[in-house]
Amino acid sequence: MINMIKKTYTSKEVCEMFNLSAPRLLQFRKGQKVRVSTKNENEEPRTYEFDPILIEGEDWEWNGSEVVFNESSIIKLKERKAYRKYQHRMSSDRGAKSLARRQLGISYEPKDFNINNLEFSVQEIAVEMNLSVQKIYALRDISSNKPVSFTNYLKLNKDWKYDDGKVILFKSARQKIQEYANMLKEKEEIPKSRKITVLIGNKVFHLQGEASNAVINIIEQEQLSKKKNKA
C-alpha cells in the first residue's frame, strides 16, 4: 500500500517562490482592511475590507505553531501572478495604441482592438476623457463627495471592482463617465447669468437672468453716457 504524503510549503518557501514579503503573505491569509481619509474633517475615514485569497483549512493550516501551505495555495498564487501580468500587458497595449492613434490623428478604434471588451484603470479613463482622477473616484456609489448634478453613479461589482487594492472600471463605467464628461462640457458652454442685488429704500431685490442683464445694461449705458459728456 502506497502512503501518499501531502506536499506542503513553509511561509519562507512561499515568500521566496513569489517574491512576497511576510506581511503581504499574511494579508493573503487574513484579508486586509484599508482606511481612507476624506477631505471633510468632520467625516470619519472610510474602511474597505478585502477578503483573504488563501482560505484556512483549504489552502493553509497550522502545524503546531507554524503555518504550512498546501498545493492549492501555490496554484492560486500562480494564477494571481499570471493575471497581474496579463492586466499589466493589456494596460501597456492600450496606452501604446492610444498614443499611436493620437500621433496619427485617428479618432476611432482599429477593428482588431475592441476597447469596450476590456477593463480600465481610473488613470487611463482620466487621460482619455480629460477628467481628474478625483472626479472619477467621486462617481462611485460609496464616495462621500458624489456630485449632486449627476446621479448615474458607478456601482460596486457592476461598474467597478477592487483588484489587489486598486479600482478597476468596467465597460458600463466607461459609458457612465462619458455621460458625466459630456454634461460637464455642456455646462461650460452655457453662458453664466449674472446676478445682482438692488437696494431700493429699505427693500432688497435679488435679480438674475434677463432681469439682471437688463439692469446691468442700463447702468453700463448710463456710465458710458457720462464719460461722453465729460469728454
Protein backbone atom coordinates (compact mmCIF):
# COMPACT_ATOMS: atom_id res chain seq x y z
CA MET A 1 0.00 0.00 0.00
CA ILE A 2 1.38 3.35 -1.08
CA ASN A 3 1.48 6.03 1.62
CA MET A 4 0.57 9.33 -0.07
CA ILE A 5 2.30 12.26 1.62
CA LYS A 6 0.71 15.65 1.03
CA LYS A 7 3.18 18.24 -0.23
CA THR A 8 3.26 21.39 1.89
CA TYR A 9 5.29 24.60 1.88
CA THR A 10 6.55 26.87 4.64
CA SER A 11 5.91 30.62 4.72
CA LYS A 12 9.54 31.27 3.82
CA GLU A 13 9.31 28.98 0.79
CA VAL A 14 6.13 30.66 -0.47
CA CYS A 15 7.59 34.15 0.01
CA GLU A 16 10.74 33.23 -1.92
CA MET A 17 8.75 31.48 -4.64
CA PHE A 18 6.55 34.54 -5.38
CA ASN A 19 8.85 37.32 -4.15
CA LEU A 20 6.44 38.27 -1.35
CA SER A 21 7.09 39.89 1.99
CA ALA A 22 5.88 38.17 5.14
CA PRO A 23 3.27 40.92 5.87
CA ARG A 24 1.92 40.61 2.30
CA LEU A 25 1.55 36.86 2.64
CA LEU A 26 -0.25 37.42 5.95
CA GLN A 27 -2.74 39.69 4.13
CA PHE A 28 -3.40 36.91 1.66
CA ARG A 29 -4.24 34.61 4.60
CA LYS A 30 -6.15 37.02 6.86
CA GLY A 31 -7.54 39.60 4.45
CA GLN A 32 -6.92 43.31 4.65
CA LYS A 33 -8.55 46.49 5.94
CA VAL A 34 -7.70 49.82 4.33
CA ARG A 35 -8.64 53.14 5.94
CA VAL A 36 -9.06 56.04 3.53
CA SER A 37 -9.24 59.58 4.87
CA THR A 38 -11.64 62.11 3.34
CA LYS A 39 -11.18 65.81 2.63
CA ASN A 40 -14.01 66.62 5.02
CA GLU A 41 -12.54 66.94 8.52
CA ASN A 42 -15.95 66.24 10.11
CA GLU A 43 -16.33 62.91 8.31
CA GLU A 44 -14.91 59.66 9.63
CA PRO A 45 -12.35 57.85 7.43
CA ARG A 46 -13.85 55.08 5.28
CA THR A 47 -12.69 51.49 5.80
CA TYR A 48 -12.57 48.96 2.97
CA GLU A 49 -12.28 45.24 3.73
CA PHE A 50 -10.67 42.73 1.36
CA ASP A 51 -11.35 39.03 1.82
CA PRO A 52 -8.40 36.62 2.12
CA ILE A 53 -7.19 34.95 -1.05
CA LEU A 54 -5.98 31.83 0.76
CA ILE A 55 -8.57 30.02 2.89
CA GLU A 56 -7.68 28.39 6.22
CA GLY A 57 -8.28 24.64 6.22
CA GLU A 58 -8.29 24.59 2.42
CA ASP A 59 -5.14 26.38 1.28
CA TRP A 60 -3.22 26.60 4.54
CA GLU A 61 -3.33 25.18 8.07
CA TRP A 62 -1.48 25.20 11.35
CA ASN A 63 1.18 22.59 12.06
CA GLY A 64 1.87 23.23 15.72
CA SER A 65 2.94 26.88 15.87
CA GLU A 66 3.92 27.02 12.17
CA VAL A 67 1.74 27.80 9.16
CA VAL A 68 2.02 25.37 6.26
CA PHE A 69 0.63 25.96 2.78
CA ASN A 70 -1.00 23.32 0.62
CA GLU A 71 -0.57 22.88 -3.12
CA SER A 72 -3.81 24.78 -3.71
CA SER A 73 -2.11 27.92 -2.32
CA ILE A 74 0.62 27.64 -4.93
CA ILE A 75 -1.94 27.24 -7.69
CA LYS A 76 -3.93 30.29 -6.56
CA LEU A 77 -0.84 32.47 -6.23
CA LYS A 78 0.42 31.38 -9.66
CA GLU A 79 -2.97 32.25 -11.18
CA ARG A 80 -2.93 35.62 -9.43
CA LYS A 81 0.58 36.37 -10.69
CA ALA A 82 -0.37 35.41 -14.25
CA TYR A 83 -3.50 37.57 -14.07
CA ARG A 84 -1.49 40.57 -12.82
CA LYS A 85 0.95 40.17 -15.71
CA TYR A 86 -1.98 39.99 -18.14
CA GLN A 87 -3.52 43.17 -16.69
CA HIS A 88 -0.19 44.99 -16.95
CA ARG A 89 0.30 43.86 -20.54
CA MET A 90 -3.21 44.87 -21.58
CA SER A 91 -2.77 48.24 -19.86
CA SER A 92 0.52 48.79 -21.71
CA ASP A 93 -1.05 47.76 -25.02
CA ARG A 94 -3.93 50.18 -24.54
CA GLY A 95 -1.56 53.02 -23.67
CA ALA A 96 0.69 52.35 -26.67
CA LYS A 97 -2.22 52.08 -29.09
CA SER A 98 -3.86 55.18 -27.66
CA LEU A 99 -0.61 57.15 -28.09
CA ALA A 100 -0.21 55.90 -31.66
CA ARG A 101 -3.78 56.92 -32.51
CA ARG A 102 -3.23 60.41 -31.10
CA GLN A 103 0.01 60.82 -33.04
CA LEU A 104 -1.66 59.74 -36.27
CA GLY A 105 -4.81 61.74 -35.62
CA ILE A 106 -7.01 58.62 -35.59
CA SER A 107 -10.21 59.04 -33.56
CA TYR A 108 -11.60 55.52 -33.99
CA GLU A 109 -10.57 52.10 -32.73
CA PRO A 110 -8.93 49.59 -35.11
CA LYS A 111 -11.24 46.67 -35.97
CA ASP A 112 -8.99 44.18 -34.17
CA PHE A 113 -8.99 46.17 -30.93
CA ASN A 114 -12.36 46.46 -29.19
CA ILE A 115 -11.66 48.65 -26.17
CA ASN A 116 -15.17 48.11 -24.79
CA ASN A 117 -14.36 44.47 -24.05
CA LEU A 118 -11.52 45.36 -21.69
CA GLU A 119 -11.15 46.61 -18.14
CA PHE A 120 -9.72 50.03 -17.41
CA SER A 121 -7.80 51.83 -14.71
CA VAL A 122 -9.03 55.16 -13.37
CA GLN A 123 -5.89 56.85 -14.70
CA GLU A 124 -6.50 55.58 -18.24
CA ILE A 125 -10.06 56.90 -18.34
CA ALA A 126 -9.00 60.20 -16.76
CA VAL A 127 -6.49 60.81 -19.55
CA GLU A 128 -8.86 59.65 -22.28
CA MET A 129 -11.77 61.86 -21.17
CA ASN A 130 -9.71 64.78 -19.85
CA LEU A 131 -11.05 64.45 -16.30
CA SER A 132 -9.25 64.45 -12.98
CA VAL A 133 -8.95 61.09 -11.22
CA GLN A 134 -10.66 62.70 -8.22
CA LYS A 135 -13.81 63.37 -10.25
CA ILE A 136 -13.92 59.76 -11.41
CA TYR A 137 -13.40 58.36 -7.90
CA ALA A 138 -16.26 60.63 -6.73
CA LEU A 139 -18.66 58.98 -9.18
CA ARG A 140 -18.56 55.67 -7.27
CA ASP A 141 -21.60 54.74 -5.20
CA ILE A 142 -19.53 54.56 -1.99
CA SER A 143 -17.98 58.02 -2.38
CA SER A 144 -18.95 60.64 0.17
CA ASN A 145 -18.45 63.53 -2.27
CA LYS A 146 -20.65 62.27 -5.12
CA PRO A 147 -21.76 65.08 -7.49
CA VAL A 148 -25.39 66.08 -6.92
CA SER A 149 -25.87 67.12 -10.54
CA PHE A 150 -25.13 63.60 -11.82
CA THR A 151 -26.78 60.61 -10.15
CA ASN A 152 -25.94 57.75 -12.55
CA TYR A 153 -23.24 56.60 -10.15
CA LEU A 154 -20.78 53.73 -10.63
CA LYS A 155 -21.98 50.69 -8.69
CA LEU A 156 -19.58 48.32 -6.94
CA ASN A 157 -19.16 44.93 -8.70
CA LYS A 158 -21.32 46.15 -11.58
CA ASP A 159 -19.40 49.14 -12.94
CA TRP A 160 -16.19 48.80 -10.93
CA LYS A 161 -14.32 46.49 -8.59
CA TYR A 162 -11.28 46.30 -6.36
CA ASP A 163 -8.32 44.36 -7.71
CA ASP A 164 -5.50 43.99 -5.20
CA GLY A 165 -6.49 47.32 -3.62
CA LYS A 166 -6.83 49.18 -6.93
CA VAL A 167 -10.04 50.41 -8.54
CA ILE A 168 -10.75 48.74 -11.90
CA LEU A 169 -13.52 50.07 -14.17
CA PHE A 170 -15.79 48.00 -16.42
CA LYS A 171 -17.34 48.83 -19.80
CA SER A 172 -20.51 50.17 -18.17
CA ALA A 173 -18.42 52.55 -16.04
CA ARG A 174 -16.73 53.95 -19.13
CA GLN A 175 -20.13 54.76 -20.63
CA LYS A 176 -21.35 56.49 -17.46
CA ILE A 177 -18.16 58.51 -17.11
CA GLN A 178 -18.53 59.63 -20.73
CA GLU A 179 -22.04 60.87 -19.91
CA TYR A 180 -20.64 62.81 -16.97
CA ALA A 181 -17.85 64.31 -19.10
CA ASN A 182 -20.42 65.38 -21.72
CA MET A 183 -22.55 67.01 -19.02
CA LEU A 184 -19.58 68.99 -17.71
CA LYS A 185 -18.72 70.11 -21.24
CA GLU A 186 -22.27 71.29 -21.86
CA LYS A 187 -22.22 73.28 -18.60
CA GLU A 188 -19.02 75.00 -19.64
CA GLU A 189 -20.60 76.05 -22.95
CA ILE A 190 -23.67 77.62 -21.31
CA PRO A 191 -23.11 81.34 -20.59
CA LYS A 192 -23.32 82.06 -16.89
CA SER A 193 -26.09 84.50 -15.96
CA ARG A 194 -25.04 87.50 -13.91
CA LYS A 195 -26.63 88.08 -10.52
CA ILE A 196 -27.10 91.48 -8.85
CA THR A 197 -28.61 92.80 -5.65
CA VAL A 198 -30.62 96.04 -5.83
CA LEU A 199 -31.44 98.14 -2.76
CA ILE A 200 -34.48 100.41 -3.18
CA GLY A 201 -35.27 102.20 0.05
CA ASN A 202 -35.48 99.50 2.70
CA LYS A 203 -36.21 96.71 0.24
CA VAL A 204 -33.62 94.35 -1.20
CA PHE A 205 -34.13 92.70 -4.61
CA HIS A 206 -32.02 89.82 -5.95
CA LEU A 207 -32.08 89.74 -9.75
CA GLN A 208 -30.64 87.23 -12.19
CA GLY A 209 -31.05 86.11 -15.76
CA GLU A 210 -32.75 88.56 -18.16
CA ALA A 211 -33.76 90.94 -15.35
CA SER A 212 -30.18 91.33 -14.06
CA ASN A 213 -28.82 91.71 -17.59
CA ALA A 214 -31.37 94.46 -18.33
CA VAL A 215 -30.41 96.44 -15.22
CA ILE A 216 -26.69 95.98 -15.88
CA ASN A 217 -27.14 97.19 -19.47
CA ILE A 218 -28.94 100.33 -18.24
CA ILE A 219 -26.15 101.09 -15.76
CA GLU A 220 -23.43 100.47 -18.36
CA GLN A 221 -25.19 102.74 -20.88
CA GLU A 222 -25.55 105.48 -18.26
CA GLN A 223 -21.86 105.23 -17.30
CA LEU A 224 -20.88 105.36 -20.97
CA SER A 225 -23.09 108.42 -21.49
CA LYS A 226 -21.47 110.22 -18.52
CA LYS A 227 -17.99 109.53 -19.92
CA LYS A 228 -19.00 111.02 -23.29
CA ASN A 229 -20.43 114.15 -21.63
CA LYS A 230 -17.22 114.66 -19.64
CA ALA A 231 -15.18 114.33 -22.80
